[in-house]
Amino acid sequence: MDLSRRHFLRGSSAVIALPALESLDWRKFAAAAPLDLPSKRMVFLSFGWGVTRDDWFPDKSDTGTGYVMPSGMKPLKRHKSDITVVQNLSNQFSSEAHWGSTFYLTGANRYAEPGKSFHNTISADQVAAEVLGSATRFTSIQLGCKEAENSGHGPGLSLAWNRQGKPVAGLDNPVVAYHKLFSDGQTPLAERQAMLQKQRSILDAVMEDAKDVGRGLGRNDAEKLGEYLQSVRDIETRISKEEQWLDVPKSRPATLPEEPQGEVAGYEEIKIMYDLMIAAMQVDATRVFTYRQPVESLLKSFGATITGHNMSHYTSGDRKTVSQTRDQKQSELLAYFIDRLKATQEADGSRLFDHVSLSYGSNINSIHYLTNCPTIISGGGAGIELGQHLVLGPNTPLANLWLSLLRGVGIDVATHGDSSGVIKELFG
């Protein structure tokens, strides 16, 4: 067996990709240029309904590296030196609070075409995908949710818009995303679901091949392969339980108890999506991701009984408490994702975190305010100076951020959307 050409594990009914392993001479056969390894990745994360203004944003007078993290960001404290918070970014053409994700990554003018009530342009992720996605199985991956919240378009769609200004379909649940990324496309979905429902892992079909590959690996690569296969199995296990209960009606007692306060679908869904992105980056399935995260189901997962819309119109009392808890839960999840990026090694021993450009935020500030979009930047992929709190000039185009990140990962683009230039403060 020629280990140097092995990039997949194969079985009778499944094929899954291998992570980048030095023992398999990955560098020699990687699609990217040998001098440009590990590859750059871009991840764009966004959520609806904004944040709690006085509990999420740092004080504007408290800039630089020594700023005090507000309560909504406290779960990110362990990563403070590896995130940068940016204030005063906005989309100048956005005028409707409930079209949040529509123009978030495009910075387009809805009325740019005379006689038409809607116009959009290419999103930053798709600009990146035209370059970074040329050598991967998937040019880009769009993750979404089943909720149509605060977006201007329905569930199943994403943050992504193509060069013609048309929406790009997204994968709106972890099951679909898992099979898209890791299952053999020739195996019918029903058969793959049946395998999971019978508590058989897709990995079982390729384990003999995995054992053969494992015999030719060095110690470090053997451990890395084991960790990767275990992470895939863990994701399958979590998805399996969800699938087994899809068609089972929920039993209701004669006296219905209060809604459980534990973390259920919404929180776990986001966590699984983060894990799927890590696994996809490990096998270089794609280098560009967008994820329009759910909020409604996240609220339900910690026991809230109000809608995302009502939560966003907080003043005080229960609505504000829910909004504050939402901020903290989202920060917990983002901290978890950064943990995973830091813990995952590239083939050369460096951290995946060091090669990822990660942005996180919302096109809406709070309630119906569209200026000062919540924005966090992390990862070393774009060369951003991390660990600081930046307050830019009022109404700095959000598209300036996308232009800065695109150029930071090496994509030669002159402008993007309504950009007026790169944000020089991001680069020290």
Protein backbone atom coordinates (compact mmCIF):
# COMPACT_ATOMS: atom_id res chain seq x y z
CA MET A 1 0.00 0.00 0.00
CA ASP A 2 1.35 3.44 -0.99
CA LEU A 3 0.73 5.46 2.18
CA SER A 4 1.96 8.67 0.58
CA ARG A 5 -1.10 8.81 -1.66
CA ARG A 6 -3.71 7.95 0.97
CA HIS A 7 -6.23 10.73 1.63
CA PHE A 8 -9.37 8.66 2.30
CA LEU A 9 -10.56 5.69 4.33
CA ARG A 10 -12.76 3.41 2.25
CA GLY A 11 -15.25 0.71 3.09
CA SER A 12 -18.03 -1.17 1.37
CA SER A 13 -20.56 1.61 1.94
CA ALA A 14 -18.68 4.68 3.07
CA VAL A 15 -15.74 6.93 2.37
CA ILE A 16 -14.36 9.56 4.76
CA ALA A 17 -11.41 11.87 4.35
CA LEU A 18 -8.20 11.60 6.36
CA PRO A 19 -6.66 14.53 8.24
CA ALA A 20 -3.34 15.93 7.08
CA LEU A 21 -0.66 13.50 8.34
CA GLU A 22 3.06 13.91 7.80
CA SER A 23 3.51 10.12 7.58
CA LEU A 24 1.33 10.15 4.47
CA ASP A 25 3.59 12.73 2.86
CA TRP A 26 0.67 15.15 2.88
CA ARG A 27 2.83 18.10 1.95
CA LYS A 28 3.91 16.49 -1.31
CA PHE A 29 0.41 15.80 -2.53
CA ALA A 30 -1.58 18.65 -0.94
CA ALA A 31 -3.52 20.74 -3.43
CA ALA A 32 -2.16 23.97 -1.99
CA ALA A 33 1.23 25.30 -2.96
CA PRO A 34 3.94 23.59 -0.85
CA LEU A 35 5.29 26.89 0.42
CA ASP A 36 1.84 28.02 1.57
CA LEU A 37 1.07 25.30 4.10
CA PRO A 38 -0.85 25.16 6.35
CA SER A 39 -3.65 26.77 4.38
CA LYS A 40 -5.52 29.89 5.39
CA ARG A 41 -9.16 29.48 6.44
CA MET A 42 -11.93 32.01 6.92
CA VAL A 43 -14.88 31.54 9.26
CA PHE A 44 -17.76 34.04 9.39
CA LEU A 45 -20.16 33.56 12.33
CA SER A 46 -23.28 35.64 12.83
CA PHE A 47 -26.45 35.66 14.91
CA GLY A 48 -29.74 37.53 14.90
CA TRP A 49 -31.31 40.02 17.29
CA GLY A 50 -28.09 41.80 18.30
CA VAL A 51 -26.85 41.92 21.91
CA THR A 52 -27.63 43.56 25.24
CA ARG A 53 -26.03 46.96 24.64
CA ASP A 54 -24.96 47.86 28.18
CA ASP A 55 -23.74 44.36 29.08
CA TRP A 56 -21.93 43.26 25.90
CA PHE A 57 -19.98 46.25 24.58
CA PRO A 58 -16.90 47.39 26.52
CA ASP A 59 -16.87 51.04 27.62
CA LYS A 60 -15.84 53.15 24.62
CA SER A 61 -13.45 55.15 26.76
CA ASP A 62 -11.66 51.95 27.82
CA THR A 63 -9.66 51.00 24.72
CA GLY A 64 -6.42 49.14 24.09
CA THR A 65 -5.30 45.92 25.74
CA GLY A 66 -6.29 46.65 29.34
CA TYR A 67 -10.02 47.10 28.76
CA VAL A 68 -12.51 45.58 31.19
CA MET A 69 -14.59 42.79 29.71
CA PRO A 70 -18.33 43.36 30.27
CA SER A 71 -20.48 40.60 31.75
CA GLY A 72 -21.81 39.46 28.37
CA MET A 73 -18.27 38.59 27.27
CA LYS A 74 -17.01 37.14 30.57
CA PRO A 75 -16.98 33.51 29.28
CA LEU A 76 -14.37 34.70 26.75
CA LYS A 77 -12.01 35.98 29.45
CA ARG A 78 -9.56 33.08 29.02
CA HIS A 79 -9.16 34.13 25.38
CA LYS A 80 -8.93 37.88 26.01
CA SER A 81 -5.41 38.09 24.56
CA ASP A 82 -6.58 36.27 21.44
CA ILE A 83 -9.69 38.27 20.51
CA THR A 84 -10.12 41.85 19.33
CA VAL A 85 -13.37 43.73 19.91
CA VAL A 86 -14.21 46.40 17.33
CA GLN A 87 -16.81 49.15 17.77
CA ASN A 88 -18.53 51.64 15.44
CA LEU A 89 -18.82 49.38 12.38
CA SER A 90 -22.08 49.60 10.39
CA ASN A 91 -23.62 48.99 6.99
CA GLN A 92 -24.57 52.43 5.72
CA PHE A 93 -27.24 51.04 3.37
CA SER A 94 -28.96 48.90 5.98
CA SER A 95 -32.16 50.55 7.12
CA GLU A 96 -34.35 47.61 8.14
CA ALA A 97 -33.63 45.81 11.39
CA HIS A 98 -35.14 42.54 10.21
CA TRP A 99 -32.85 42.16 7.21
CA GLY A 100 -29.85 41.44 9.38
CA SER A 101 -28.05 38.65 7.56
CA THR A 102 -29.07 39.82 4.08
CA PHE A 103 -26.42 42.53 3.76
CA TYR A 104 -24.18 41.54 6.66
CA LEU A 105 -21.32 40.21 4.51
CA THR A 106 -22.05 42.18 1.34
CA GLY A 107 -22.30 45.86 2.34
CA ALA A 108 -24.54 46.32 -0.68
CA ASN A 109 -27.04 49.06 -1.47
CA ARG A 110 -30.47 47.47 -1.72
CA TYR A 111 -31.65 50.22 -4.09
CA ALA A 112 -28.56 50.34 -6.33
CA GLU A 113 -30.50 49.22 -9.41
CA PRO A 114 -33.05 51.84 -10.56
CA GLY A 115 -36.60 50.53 -10.71
CA LYS A 116 -35.90 47.54 -8.46
CA SER A 117 -36.77 47.26 -4.79
CA PHE A 118 -34.01 44.78 -4.00
CA HIS A 119 -30.40 44.39 -5.05
CA ASN A 120 -27.52 42.55 -3.45
CA THR A 121 -23.91 41.75 -4.30
CA ILE A 122 -21.35 39.08 -3.47
CA SER A 123 -20.64 38.34 0.19
CA ALA A 124 -17.12 38.41 1.62
CA ASP A 125 -17.06 34.64 2.15
CA GLN A 126 -17.76 33.99 -1.51
CA VAL A 127 -14.99 36.38 -2.53
CA ALA A 128 -12.69 34.31 -0.33
CA ALA A 129 -14.09 31.04 -1.70
CA GLU A 130 -13.18 31.98 -5.27
CA VAL A 131 -9.53 31.88 -4.18
CA LEU A 132 -9.28 29.63 -1.12
CA GLY A 133 -11.83 27.13 -2.38
CA SER A 134 -10.20 26.35 -5.70
CA ALA A 135 -8.29 23.36 -4.32
CA THR A 136 -10.79 21.82 -1.90
CA ARG A 137 -13.69 19.40 -2.33
CA PHE A 138 -16.18 22.08 -1.29
CA THR A 139 -15.56 25.61 -2.50
CA SER A 140 -17.27 26.82 0.68
CA ILE A 141 -19.67 25.51 3.30
CA GLN A 142 -22.72 27.51 4.35
CA LEU A 143 -24.24 26.49 7.68
CA GLY A 144 -27.57 27.86 8.76
CA CYS A 145 -30.57 27.04 10.91
CA LYS A 146 -34.24 26.27 10.50
CA GLU A 147 -35.22 29.63 11.91
CA ALA A 148 -35.94 32.59 9.65
CA GLU A 149 -35.14 35.03 12.42
CA ASN A 150 -33.97 38.56 11.74
CA SER A 151 -32.70 37.65 8.32
CA GLY A 152 -34.87 38.86 5.49
CA HIS A 153 -34.89 35.37 4.03
CA GLY A 154 -36.06 31.99 5.17
CA PRO A 155 -34.60 28.94 6.86
CA GLY A 156 -32.21 26.85 4.81
CA LEU A 157 -30.49 29.94 3.48
CA SER A 158 -27.30 31.41 4.81
CA LEU A 159 -25.13 34.49 5.12
CA ALA A 160 -23.70 33.82 1.66
CA TRP A 161 -24.58 35.61 -1.58
CA ASN A 162 -23.02 34.80 -4.95
CA ARG A 163 -21.48 37.18 -7.47
CA GLN A 164 -24.90 37.68 -9.07
CA GLY A 165 -26.31 38.79 -5.74
CA LYS A 166 -28.38 35.64 -5.30
CA PRO A 167 -28.64 33.80 -1.95
CA VAL A 168 -26.62 30.62 -1.51
CA ALA A 169 -28.41 27.70 0.12
CA GLY A 170 -27.23 26.61 3.54
CA LEU A 171 -27.18 23.37 5.51
CA ASP A 172 -29.71 24.06 8.23
CA ASN A 173 -29.07 21.25 10.71
CA PRO A 174 -26.14 19.14 11.94
CA VAL A 175 -27.41 15.91 10.37
CA VAL A 176 -27.45 17.36 6.87
CA ALA A 177 -24.12 19.10 7.45
CA TYR A 178 -22.51 15.91 8.74
CA HIS A 179 -23.57 13.85 5.72
CA LYS A 180 -22.61 16.61 3.31
CA LEU A 181 -19.12 16.79 4.76
CA PHE A 182 -18.31 13.21 5.68
CA SER A 183 -20.62 10.63 4.13
CA ASP A 184 -20.11 8.81 0.85
CA GLY A 185 -22.37 10.57 -1.60
CA GLN A 186 -23.19 7.28 -3.33
CA THR A 187 -24.80 5.83 -0.23
CA PRO A 188 -28.48 6.87 -0.04
CA LEU A 189 -29.28 9.21 2.84
CA ALA A 190 -31.95 6.81 4.12
CA GLU A 191 -29.35 4.03 4.35
CA ARG A 192 -26.88 6.26 6.18
CA GLN A 193 -29.60 7.35 8.60
CA ALA A 194 -30.54 3.71 9.14
CA MET A 195 -26.93 2.94 10.04
CA LEU A 196 -27.00 5.65 12.68
CA GLN A 197 -30.42 4.59 13.97
CA LYS A 198 -29.08 1.06 14.45
CA GLN A 199 -26.22 2.57 16.44
CA ARG A 200 -23.73 1.63 13.75
CA SER A 201 -21.14 4.27 13.05
CA ILE A 202 -20.24 5.13 9.47
CA LEU A 203 -16.72 4.69 10.75
CA ASP A 204 -17.42 0.97 11.21
CA ALA A 205 -17.53 0.58 7.44
CA VAL A 206 -14.02 1.94 7.05
CA MET A 207 -12.30 0.68 10.21
CA GLU A 208 -10.42 -2.16 8.51
CA ASP A 209 -8.96 0.36 6.11
CA ALA A 210 -8.17 2.63 9.05
CA LYS A 211 -6.25 -0.18 10.75
CA ASP A 212 -4.19 -0.74 7.59
CA VAL A 213 -3.34 2.95 7.39
CA GLY A 214 -2.54 3.08 11.09
CA ARG A 215 0.17 0.42 10.76
CA GLY A 216 2.22 2.73 8.56
CA LEU A 217 2.04 5.83 10.74
CA GLY A 218 4.53 7.34 13.15
CA ARG A 219 3.56 7.73 16.79
CA ASN A 220 2.39 11.36 16.54
CA ASP A 221 0.33 10.73 13.42
CA ALA A 222 -1.16 7.58 14.91
CA GLU A 223 -2.34 9.59 17.90
CA LYS A 224 -3.65 12.34 15.63
CA LEU A 225 -5.56 9.83 13.48
CA GLY A 226 -7.03 8.26 16.61
CA GLU A 227 -8.15 11.62 17.96
CA TYR A 228 -9.71 12.54 14.61
CA LEU A 229 -11.62 9.26 14.27
CA GLN A 230 -12.84 9.59 17.86
CA SER A 231 -14.06 13.13 17.19
CA VAL A 232 -16.01 11.92 14.15
CA ARG A 233 -17.48 9.07 16.20
CA ASP A 234 -18.45 11.48 18.99
CA ILE A 235 -20.30 13.67 16.50
CA GLU A 236 -22.07 10.62 15.07
CA THR A 237 -23.12 9.52 18.54
CA ARG A 238 -24.65 12.88 19.31
CA ILE A 239 -26.44 13.03 15.95
CA SER A 240 -27.60 9.42 16.24
CA LYS A 241 -29.66 10.08 19.33
CA GLU A 242 -31.26 13.12 17.71
CA GLU A 243 -32.21 11.11 14.61
CA GLN A 244 -33.66 8.21 16.58
CA TRP A 245 -36.25 10.50 18.14
CA LEU A 246 -37.21 12.51 15.06
CA ASP A 247 -40.37 10.52 14.32
CA VAL A 248 -41.32 9.62 17.89
CA PRO A 249 -44.25 11.68 19.24
CA LYS A 250 -43.52 13.32 22.56
CA SER A 251 -45.42 11.86 25.51
CA ARG A 252 -47.28 14.37 27.62
CA PRO A 253 -48.22 13.68 31.24
CA ALA A 254 -51.68 14.47 32.53
CA THR A 255 -50.17 17.41 34.40
CA LEU A 256 -47.54 19.06 32.25
CA PRO A 257 -44.48 20.09 34.33
CA GLU A 258 -42.64 23.34 33.84
CA GLU A 259 -40.24 23.51 30.90
CA PRO A 260 -36.83 22.04 31.85
CA GLN A 261 -34.10 24.56 32.48
CA GLY A 262 -31.28 22.43 31.09
CA GLU A 263 -29.38 23.10 27.89
CA VAL A 264 -30.97 21.16 25.08
CA ALA A 265 -31.21 21.40 21.27
CA GLY A 266 -30.26 25.01 20.55
CA TYR A 267 -27.06 25.14 22.58
CA GLU A 268 -26.01 21.64 21.54
CA GLU A 269 -26.83 22.33 17.88
CA ILE A 270 -24.42 25.25 17.76
CA LYS A 271 -21.77 23.21 19.55
CA ILE A 272 -22.07 20.35 17.05
CA MET A 273 -21.86 22.79 14.14
CA TYR A 274 -18.62 24.14 15.63
CA ASP A 275 -17.29 20.59 15.95
CA LEU A 276 -18.21 19.86 12.34
CA MET A 277 -16.28 22.93 11.19
CA ILE A 278 -13.22 21.78 13.12
CA ALA A 279 -13.44 18.29 11.62
CA ALA A 280 -13.91 19.71 8.11
CA MET A 281 -10.84 21.91 8.54
CA GLN A 282 -8.84 18.91 9.74
CA VAL A 283 -9.45 17.12 6.44
CA ASP A 284 -9.26 20.31 4.36
CA ALA A 285 -12.77 19.68 3.02
CA THR A 286 -13.16 23.43 2.62
CA ARG A 287 -11.41 26.57 3.78
CA VAL A 288 -14.35 28.97 3.91
CA PHE A 289 -17.33 28.74 6.28
CA THR A 290 -20.33 30.86 7.14
CA TYR A 291 -22.70 30.03 9.96
CA ARG A 292 -25.98 31.83 10.61
CA GLN A 293 -26.67 30.64 14.13
CA PRO A 294 -30.07 29.98 15.71
CA VAL A 295 -31.32 32.17 18.52
CA GLU A 296 -34.92 31.04 19.09
CA SER A 297 -33.91 27.46 19.88
CA LEU A 298 -30.96 28.70 21.95
CA LEU A 299 -33.38 30.66 24.13
CA LYS A 300 -35.52 27.57 24.61
CA SER A 301 -32.47 25.51 25.51
CA PHE A 302 -31.95 27.53 28.69
CA GLY A 303 -35.64 27.72 29.54
CA ALA A 304 -36.67 31.09 28.10
CA THR A 305 -40.28 31.28 26.97
CA ILE A 306 -40.21 34.52 24.97
CA THR A 307 -39.32 34.93 21.31
CA GLY A 308 -36.07 36.35 20.01
CA HIS A 309 -37.91 39.40 18.70
CA ASN A 310 -39.53 40.17 22.05
CA MET A 311 -36.23 39.57 23.83
CA SER A 312 -34.48 42.06 21.57
CA HIS A 313 -36.96 44.78 22.55
CA TYR A 314 -35.87 44.61 26.17
CA THR A 315 -36.08 47.49 28.62
CA SER A 316 -35.72 45.84 32.00
CA GLY A 317 -37.05 42.81 33.82
CA ASP A 318 -37.45 39.37 32.26
CA ARG A 319 -36.73 40.41 28.67
CA LYS A 320 -33.42 41.95 29.60
CA THR A 321 -32.51 38.99 31.80
CA VAL A 322 -33.10 36.63 28.88
CA SER A 323 -31.05 38.87 26.58
CA GLN A 324 -28.17 38.92 29.07
CA THR A 325 -28.27 35.14 29.48
CA ARG A 326 -28.33 34.75 25.69
CA ASP A 327 -25.16 36.87 25.44
CA GLN A 328 -23.38 34.72 28.00
CA LYS A 329 -24.43 31.45 26.38
CA GLN A 330 -23.25 32.65 22.97
CA SER A 331 -19.95 33.76 24.49
CA GLU A 332 -19.57 30.35 26.14
CA LEU A 333 -20.03 28.68 22.76
CA LEU A 334 -17.59 31.00 21.02
CA ALA A 335 -15.03 30.35 23.77
CA TYR A 336 -15.53 26.62 23.22
CA PHE A 337 -14.92 27.02 19.48
CA ILE A 338 -11.72 28.97 20.11
CA ASP A 339 -10.65 26.26 22.57
CA ARG A 340 -11.07 23.67 19.81
CA LEU A 341 -9.17 25.77 17.27
CA LYS A 342 -6.28 26.13 19.69
CA ALA A 343 -6.24 22.45 20.64
CA THR A 344 -6.28 21.16 17.05
CA GLN A 345 -2.86 20.71 15.44
CA GLU A 346 -1.93 21.11 11.81
CA ALA A 347 0.34 18.58 10.08
CA ASP A 348 3.37 20.74 10.87
CA GLY A 349 2.52 20.88 14.58
CA SER A 350 1.17 24.44 14.58
CA ARG A 351 -2.28 25.27 15.92
CA LEU A 352 -5.27 25.43 13.61
CA PHE A 353 -6.11 28.69 15.40
CA ASP A 354 -3.00 30.32 13.95
CA HIS A 355 -4.23 29.85 10.37
CA VAL A 356 -7.90 30.78 10.76
CA SER A 357 -9.46 34.21 10.29
CA LEU A 358 -12.52 34.16 12.56
CA SER A 359 -15.17 36.88 12.70
CA TYR A 360 -18.20 36.88 14.97
CA GLY A 361 -21.06 39.34 15.22
CA SER A 362 -24.42 40.62 14.12
CA ASN A 363 -25.67 43.21 11.64
CA ILE A 364 -27.97 44.62 14.31
CA ASN A 365 -26.79 46.32 17.48
CA SER A 366 -29.91 45.93 19.60
CA ILE A 367 -33.67 46.52 19.28
CA HIS A 368 -33.76 48.36 15.90
CA TYR A 369 -30.39 50.07 16.12
CA LEU A 370 -28.19 49.29 13.12
CA THR A 371 -25.04 51.25 13.97
CA ASN A 372 -22.13 49.81 15.95
CA CYS A 373 -22.57 46.20 14.89
CA PRO A 374 -21.31 43.77 17.58
CA THR A 375 -17.94 42.53 16.29
CA ILE A 376 -15.25 40.17 17.59
CA ILE A 377 -12.22 39.07 15.57
CA SER A 378 -10.00 36.13 16.46
CA GLY A 379 -7.50 33.70 14.94
CA GLY A 380 -4.09 34.30 13.44
CA GLY A 381 -4.96 33.72 9.79
CA ALA A 382 -5.34 37.36 8.74
CA GLY A 383 -2.45 38.81 10.72
CA ILE A 384 -4.76 40.85 12.94
CA GLU A 385 -3.31 42.30 16.15
CA LEU A 386 -5.33 40.46 18.77
CA GLY A 387 -6.01 41.23 22.40
CA GLN A 388 -7.31 44.78 21.99
CA HIS A 389 -10.47 46.87 22.09
CA LEU A 390 -10.74 49.22 19.12
CA VAL A 391 -13.19 52.12 18.82
CA LEU A 392 -13.19 53.39 15.24
CA GLY A 393 -14.70 56.56 13.83
CA PRO A 394 -18.52 56.70 13.87
CA ASN A 395 -20.21 54.66 11.14
CA THR A 396 -17.05 53.08 9.79
CA PRO A 397 -18.24 50.73 7.01
CA LEU A 398 -18.56 47.14 8.18
CA ALA A 399 -17.28 46.25 4.72
CA ASN A 400 -13.93 47.78 5.74
CA LEU A 401 -13.57 44.84 8.11
CA TRP A 402 -14.28 42.29 5.39
CA LEU A 403 -11.83 44.05 3.06
CA SER A 404 -9.20 43.98 5.82
CA LEU A 405 -9.68 40.28 6.56
CA LEU A 406 -9.68 39.33 2.88
CA ARG A 407 -6.43 41.17 2.30
CA GLY A 408 -5.07 39.77 5.53
CA VAL A 409 -5.37 36.20 4.30
CA GLY A 410 -3.71 37.16 1.02
CA ILE A 411 -6.67 37.77 -1.28
CA ASP A 412 -5.99 40.63 -3.68
CA VAL A 413 -9.21 42.62 -3.69
CA ALA A 414 -9.43 46.39 -4.15
CA THR A 415 -12.80 47.06 -2.52
CA HIS A 416 -15.77 45.23 -1.07
CA GLY A 417 -19.33 46.52 -0.85
CA ASP A 418 -19.36 50.06 0.53
CA SER A 419 -15.81 49.82 1.88
CA SER A 420 -13.68 52.94 2.09
CA GLY A 421 -10.40 51.19 2.89
CA VAL A 422 -8.71 48.74 5.22
CA ILE A 423 -8.79 49.23 8.98
CA LYS A 424 -5.14 50.01 9.64
CA GLU A 425 -5.59 49.81 13.42
CA LEU A 426 -6.23 46.08 13.11
CA PHE A 427 -2.70 45.49 11.92
CA GLY A 428 -0.82 47.35 14.64
